[in-house]
C-alpha cells in the first residue's frame, strides 16, 4: 500500500503489486473491511458490486499520491461518478454503468 484515501461513497488505493489477480485483491479488501465495519457496530455497510482499477507508471506515483491526499477537496468540484466516466472516456475504457455504482 502506497496511499489510501476515502470519501463518503468511494475509496482510492494506490498499491504496488506484482502478479496478482486484481479481482481477488478487491474481493479481499471488500470482505475484510466489511468484517471490520461490523466489529465497529456498522451493520448497514455494504460495497457496490463493481470496481475500477487503473495502472500507472512509476513517474505518475507522486501525482496520484497528491490526488488521493486531496481527493475530498477535488470531489467538491466534480463528483466521483462524473470523474470516473471522464477517465474511462479519456483512456478509451468501456464500462457498463450497471456495475459501477448502486
N, C-alpha and C. Protein backbone atom coordinates (compact mmCIF):
# COMPACT_ATOMS: atom_id res chain seq x y z
N UNK A 1 0.85 -1.17 0.00
CA UNK A 1 0.00 0.00 0.00
C UNK A 1 0.90 1.24 0.00
N UNK A 2 0.68 2.09 -0.97
CA UNK A 2 1.42 3.35 -1.02
C UNK A 2 0.61 4.44 -0.31
N UNK A 3 -0.66 4.55 -0.67
CA UNK A 3 -1.55 5.52 0.00
C UNK A 3 -3.00 5.06 -0.21
N UNK A 4 -3.84 5.40 0.75
CA UNK A 4 -5.27 5.13 0.67
C UNK A 4 -6.01 6.38 1.10
N UNK A 5 -7.14 6.61 0.50
CA UNK A 5 -7.97 7.74 0.87
C UNK A 5 -9.42 7.42 0.58
N UNK A 6 -10.32 8.02 1.33
CA UNK A 6 -11.73 7.71 1.15
C UNK A 6 -12.59 8.95 1.31
N UNK A 7 -13.73 8.91 0.64
CA UNK A 7 -14.79 9.89 0.87
C UNK A 7 -16.01 9.08 1.27
N UNK A 8 -17.16 9.71 1.30
CA UNK A 8 -18.36 9.01 1.78
C UNK A 8 -18.83 7.91 0.85
N UNK A 9 -18.47 7.98 -0.44
CA UNK A 9 -19.02 6.99 -1.36
C UNK A 9 -18.00 6.18 -2.16
N UNK A 10 -16.72 6.35 -1.89
CA UNK A 10 -15.72 5.55 -2.59
C UNK A 10 -14.35 5.69 -1.94
N UNK A 11 -13.47 4.80 -2.34
CA UNK A 11 -12.08 4.86 -1.87
C UNK A 11 -11.14 4.88 -3.07
N UNK A 12 -9.97 5.43 -2.83
CA UNK A 12 -8.87 5.34 -3.79
C UNK A 12 -7.72 4.65 -3.07
N UNK A 13 -7.14 3.67 -3.73
CA UNK A 13 -5.98 2.97 -3.19
C UNK A 13 -4.88 3.01 -4.25
N UNK A 14 -3.69 3.35 -3.84
CA UNK A 14 -2.53 3.25 -4.72
C UNK A 14 -1.66 2.16 -4.14
N UNK A 15 -1.58 1.06 -4.86
CA UNK A 15 -0.83 -0.09 -4.38
C UNK A 15 0.20 -0.51 -5.43
N UNK A 16 1.28 -1.02 -4.95
CA UNK A 16 2.29 -1.59 -5.83
C UNK A 16 2.15 -3.10 -5.74
N UNK A 17 1.84 -3.71 -6.85
CA UNK A 17 1.59 -5.15 -6.85
C UNK A 17 2.40 -5.83 -7.94
N UNK A 18 2.68 -7.06 -7.71
CA UNK A 18 3.32 -7.88 -8.73
C UNK A 18 2.26 -8.60 -9.52
N UNK A 19 2.46 -9.85 -9.75
CA UNK A 19 1.49 -10.64 -10.50
C UNK A 19 0.40 -11.10 -9.54
N UNK A 20 -0.70 -10.41 -9.57
CA UNK A 20 -1.81 -10.71 -8.67
C UNK A 20 -3.11 -10.53 -9.43
N UNK A 21 -4.11 -11.27 -9.05
CA UNK A 21 -5.43 -11.14 -9.63
C UNK A 21 -6.11 -9.94 -8.97
N UNK A 22 -6.39 -8.89 -9.76
CA UNK A 22 -6.98 -7.66 -9.21
C UNK A 22 -8.34 -7.96 -8.57
N UNK A 23 -9.14 -8.80 -9.21
CA UNK A 23 -10.44 -9.15 -8.65
C UNK A 23 -10.32 -9.80 -7.29
N UNK A 24 -9.31 -10.63 -7.14
CA UNK A 24 -9.08 -11.29 -5.84
C UNK A 24 -8.66 -10.26 -4.79
N UNK A 25 -7.78 -9.34 -5.17
CA UNK A 25 -7.35 -8.28 -4.24
C UNK A 25 -8.55 -7.44 -3.79
N UNK A 26 -9.37 -7.01 -4.75
CA UNK A 26 -10.54 -6.19 -4.42
C UNK A 26 -11.50 -6.99 -3.54
N UNK A 27 -11.70 -8.26 -3.87
CA UNK A 27 -12.57 -9.11 -3.05
C UNK A 27 -12.07 -9.21 -1.62
N UNK A 28 -10.76 -9.38 -1.44
CA UNK A 28 -10.18 -9.44 -0.09
C UNK A 28 -10.40 -8.13 0.66
N UNK A 29 -10.19 -7.01 -0.02
CA UNK A 29 -10.38 -5.69 0.61
C UNK A 29 -11.83 -5.50 1.03
N UNK A 30 -12.75 -5.82 0.14
CA UNK A 30 -14.17 -5.66 0.46
C UNK A 30 -14.59 -6.57 1.62
N UNK A 31 -14.18 -7.82 1.55
CA UNK A 31 -14.57 -8.79 2.59
C UNK A 31 -14.02 -8.39 3.96
N UNK A 32 -12.73 -8.11 4.03
CA UNK A 32 -12.11 -7.81 5.32
C UNK A 32 -12.59 -6.47 5.89
N UNK A 33 -12.80 -5.47 5.03
CA UNK A 33 -13.29 -4.18 5.54
C UNK A 33 -14.74 -4.29 5.99
N UNK A 34 -15.53 -5.11 5.32
CA UNK A 34 -16.91 -5.33 5.76
C UNK A 34 -16.94 -5.99 7.13
N UNK A 35 -16.09 -6.99 7.32
CA UNK A 35 -16.00 -7.64 8.64
C UNK A 35 -15.60 -6.62 9.71
N UNK A 36 -14.62 -5.78 9.40
CA UNK A 36 -14.14 -4.79 10.35
C UNK A 36 -15.25 -3.80 10.71
N UNK A 37 -16.02 -3.36 9.71
CA UNK A 37 -17.11 -2.41 9.97
C UNK A 37 -18.14 -3.04 10.92
N UNK A 38 -18.41 -4.31 10.74
CA UNK A 38 -19.37 -4.98 11.63
C UNK A 38 -18.85 -5.02 13.07
N UNK A 39 -17.54 -5.21 13.24
CA UNK A 39 -16.99 -5.21 14.60
C UNK A 39 -17.10 -3.83 15.24
N UNK A 40 -17.25 -2.80 14.41
CA UNK A 40 -17.40 -1.42 14.91
C UNK A 40 -18.87 -1.04 15.08
N UNK A 41 -19.77 -2.01 14.84
CA UNK A 41 -21.19 -1.75 15.05
C UNK A 41 -21.92 -1.17 13.85
N UNK A 42 -21.26 -1.11 12.70
CA UNK A 42 -21.89 -0.57 11.50
C UNK A 42 -22.50 -1.75 10.75
N UNK A 43 -23.80 -1.94 10.95
CA UNK A 43 -24.44 -3.13 10.39
C UNK A 43 -24.98 -2.92 8.98
N UNK A 44 -25.15 -1.69 8.54
CA UNK A 44 -25.72 -1.43 7.22
C UNK A 44 -24.66 -1.02 6.20
N UNK A 45 -23.43 -1.38 6.41
CA UNK A 45 -22.35 -1.09 5.47
C UNK A 45 -22.35 -2.14 4.37
N UNK A 46 -22.20 -1.69 3.13
CA UNK A 46 -22.06 -2.64 2.03
C UNK A 46 -21.24 -2.01 0.91
N UNK A 47 -20.63 -2.84 0.11
CA UNK A 47 -19.87 -2.40 -1.05
C UNK A 47 -20.73 -2.54 -2.29
N UNK A 48 -20.49 -1.69 -3.26
CA UNK A 48 -21.15 -1.88 -4.55
C UNK A 48 -20.59 -3.12 -5.22
N UNK A 49 -21.27 -3.59 -6.25
CA UNK A 49 -20.83 -4.82 -6.92
C UNK A 49 -19.54 -4.62 -7.72
N UNK A 50 -19.38 -3.49 -8.38
CA UNK A 50 -18.24 -3.31 -9.27
C UNK A 50 -17.09 -2.56 -8.63
N UNK A 51 -16.08 -2.33 -9.45
CA UNK A 51 -14.92 -1.55 -9.04
C UNK A 51 -14.18 -1.10 -10.30
N UNK A 52 -13.33 -0.15 -10.15
CA UNK A 52 -12.47 0.29 -11.24
C UNK A 52 -11.02 0.15 -10.82
N UNK A 53 -10.20 -0.29 -11.73
CA UNK A 53 -8.77 -0.44 -11.45
C UNK A 53 -7.99 0.10 -12.64
N UNK A 54 -7.04 0.95 -12.38
CA UNK A 54 -6.22 1.55 -13.42
C UNK A 54 -4.76 1.36 -13.05
N UNK A 55 -3.93 1.16 -14.04
CA UNK A 55 -2.49 1.05 -13.78
C UNK A 55 -1.82 2.37 -14.13
N UNK A 56 -0.73 2.64 -13.45
CA UNK A 56 0.05 3.86 -13.72
C UNK A 56 1.52 3.48 -13.79
N UNK A 57 2.30 4.37 -14.36
CA UNK A 57 3.74 4.18 -14.38
C UNK A 57 4.39 4.80 -13.15
N UNK A 58 5.62 4.42 -12.89
CA UNK A 58 6.36 4.93 -11.73
C UNK A 58 6.41 6.46 -11.74
N UNK A 59 6.50 7.06 -12.91
CA UNK A 59 6.59 8.52 -13.00
C UNK A 59 5.31 9.22 -12.56
N UNK A 60 4.20 8.48 -12.44
CA UNK A 60 2.93 9.07 -12.04
C UNK A 60 2.61 8.90 -10.56
N UNK A 61 3.45 8.19 -9.84
CA UNK A 61 3.17 7.90 -8.42
C UNK A 61 3.00 9.18 -7.60
N UNK A 62 3.87 10.14 -7.77
CA UNK A 62 3.78 11.38 -6.97
C UNK A 62 2.48 12.12 -7.25
N UNK A 63 2.10 12.23 -8.51
CA UNK A 63 0.87 12.95 -8.86
C UNK A 63 -0.37 12.22 -8.33
N UNK A 64 -0.40 10.91 -8.44
CA UNK A 64 -1.56 10.14 -7.96
C UNK A 64 -1.61 10.19 -6.43
N UNK A 65 -0.47 10.13 -5.79
CA UNK A 65 -0.42 10.25 -4.33
C UNK A 65 -1.00 11.60 -3.90
N UNK A 66 -0.60 12.66 -4.58
CA UNK A 66 -1.12 14.00 -4.26
C UNK A 66 -2.63 14.05 -4.48
N UNK A 67 -3.09 13.47 -5.58
CA UNK A 67 -4.53 13.44 -5.85
C UNK A 67 -5.29 12.73 -4.74
N UNK A 68 -4.82 11.57 -4.34
CA UNK A 68 -5.51 10.81 -3.29
C UNK A 68 -5.50 11.59 -1.97
N UNK A 69 -4.38 12.22 -1.67
CA UNK A 69 -4.28 13.02 -0.44
C UNK A 69 -5.31 14.15 -0.44
N UNK A 70 -5.64 14.69 -1.62
CA UNK A 70 -6.54 15.84 -1.73
C UNK A 70 -7.88 15.50 -2.36
N UNK A 71 -8.27 14.23 -2.36
CA UNK A 71 -9.48 13.85 -3.08
C UNK A 71 -10.76 14.47 -2.53
N UNK A 72 -10.85 14.69 -1.24
CA UNK A 72 -12.08 15.29 -0.70
C UNK A 72 -12.29 16.68 -1.29
N UNK A 73 -11.22 17.44 -1.37
CA UNK A 73 -11.31 18.78 -1.96
C UNK A 73 -11.66 18.68 -3.45
N UNK A 74 -11.03 17.75 -4.14
CA UNK A 74 -11.28 17.58 -5.57
C UNK A 74 -12.74 17.23 -5.84
N UNK A 75 -13.33 16.37 -5.01
CA UNK A 75 -14.70 15.92 -5.25
C UNK A 75 -15.74 16.95 -4.83
N UNK A 76 -15.32 18.05 -4.29
CA UNK A 76 -16.26 19.16 -4.08
C UNK A 76 -16.58 19.81 -5.42
N UNK A 77 -15.65 19.68 -6.38
CA UNK A 77 -15.81 20.30 -7.70
C UNK A 77 -16.36 19.34 -8.74
N UNK A 78 -16.08 18.05 -8.59
CA UNK A 78 -16.53 17.05 -9.56
C UNK A 78 -16.89 15.78 -8.81
N UNK A 79 -18.06 15.24 -9.12
CA UNK A 79 -18.48 14.02 -8.44
C UNK A 79 -17.60 12.85 -8.87
N UNK A 80 -17.57 11.84 -8.02
CA UNK A 80 -16.84 10.62 -8.34
C UNK A 80 -17.36 10.01 -9.64
N UNK A 81 -18.69 9.95 -9.79
CA UNK A 81 -19.28 9.34 -10.97
C UNK A 81 -18.87 10.08 -12.24
N UNK A 82 -18.92 11.41 -12.22
CA UNK A 82 -18.51 12.19 -13.39
C UNK A 82 -17.03 12.01 -13.68
N UNK A 83 -16.23 11.96 -12.64
CA UNK A 83 -14.80 11.76 -12.83
C UNK A 83 -14.50 10.38 -13.42
N UNK A 84 -15.18 9.36 -12.93
CA UNK A 84 -14.95 8.01 -13.41
C UNK A 84 -15.33 7.90 -14.89
N UNK A 85 -16.49 8.45 -15.25
CA UNK A 85 -16.90 8.44 -16.66
C UNK A 85 -15.86 9.15 -17.53
N UNK A 86 -15.39 10.28 -17.05
CA UNK A 86 -14.39 11.06 -17.79
C UNK A 86 -13.09 10.28 -17.98
N UNK A 87 -12.64 9.62 -16.92
CA UNK A 87 -11.41 8.82 -17.02
C UNK A 87 -11.58 7.68 -18.02
N UNK A 88 -12.72 7.03 -17.97
CA UNK A 88 -12.96 5.93 -18.90
C UNK A 88 -12.98 6.43 -20.35
N UNK A 89 -13.62 7.57 -20.59
CA UNK A 89 -13.62 8.13 -21.95
C UNK A 89 -12.20 8.53 -22.37
N UNK A 90 -11.48 9.18 -21.47
CA UNK A 90 -10.12 9.65 -21.78
C UNK A 90 -9.20 8.49 -22.18
N UNK A 91 -9.31 7.37 -21.49
CA UNK A 91 -8.42 6.24 -21.74
C UNK A 91 -9.08 5.15 -22.58
N UNK A 92 -10.24 5.49 -23.19
CA UNK A 92 -10.93 4.58 -24.10
C UNK A 92 -11.28 3.24 -23.44
N UNK A 93 -11.79 3.33 -22.20
CA UNK A 93 -12.19 2.14 -21.45
C UNK A 93 -13.70 2.03 -21.50
N UNK A 94 -14.19 0.90 -21.99
CA UNK A 94 -15.63 0.67 -22.00
C UNK A 94 -16.07 0.25 -20.60
N UNK A 95 -17.26 0.69 -20.22
CA UNK A 95 -17.79 0.26 -18.92
C UNK A 95 -19.29 0.20 -18.99
N UNK A 96 -19.86 -0.58 -18.12
CA UNK A 96 -21.30 -0.73 -18.01
C UNK A 96 -21.72 -0.08 -16.70
N UNK A 97 -22.45 1.02 -16.77
CA UNK A 97 -22.86 1.77 -15.60
C UNK A 97 -23.61 0.96 -14.57
N UNK A 98 -24.23 -0.16 -15.00
CA UNK A 98 -24.95 -1.01 -14.04
C UNK A 98 -24.02 -1.59 -12.99
N UNK A 99 -22.74 -1.68 -13.32
CA UNK A 99 -21.78 -2.30 -12.41
C UNK A 99 -20.82 -1.29 -11.77
N UNK A 100 -21.05 -0.02 -12.01
CA UNK A 100 -20.14 0.99 -11.48
C UNK A 100 -20.59 1.56 -10.15
N UNK A 101 -21.85 1.76 -9.98
CA UNK A 101 -22.37 2.29 -8.70
C UNK A 101 -23.80 1.83 -8.54
N UNK A 102 -24.14 1.50 -7.32
CA UNK A 102 -25.50 1.09 -7.00
C UNK A 102 -25.86 1.55 -5.61
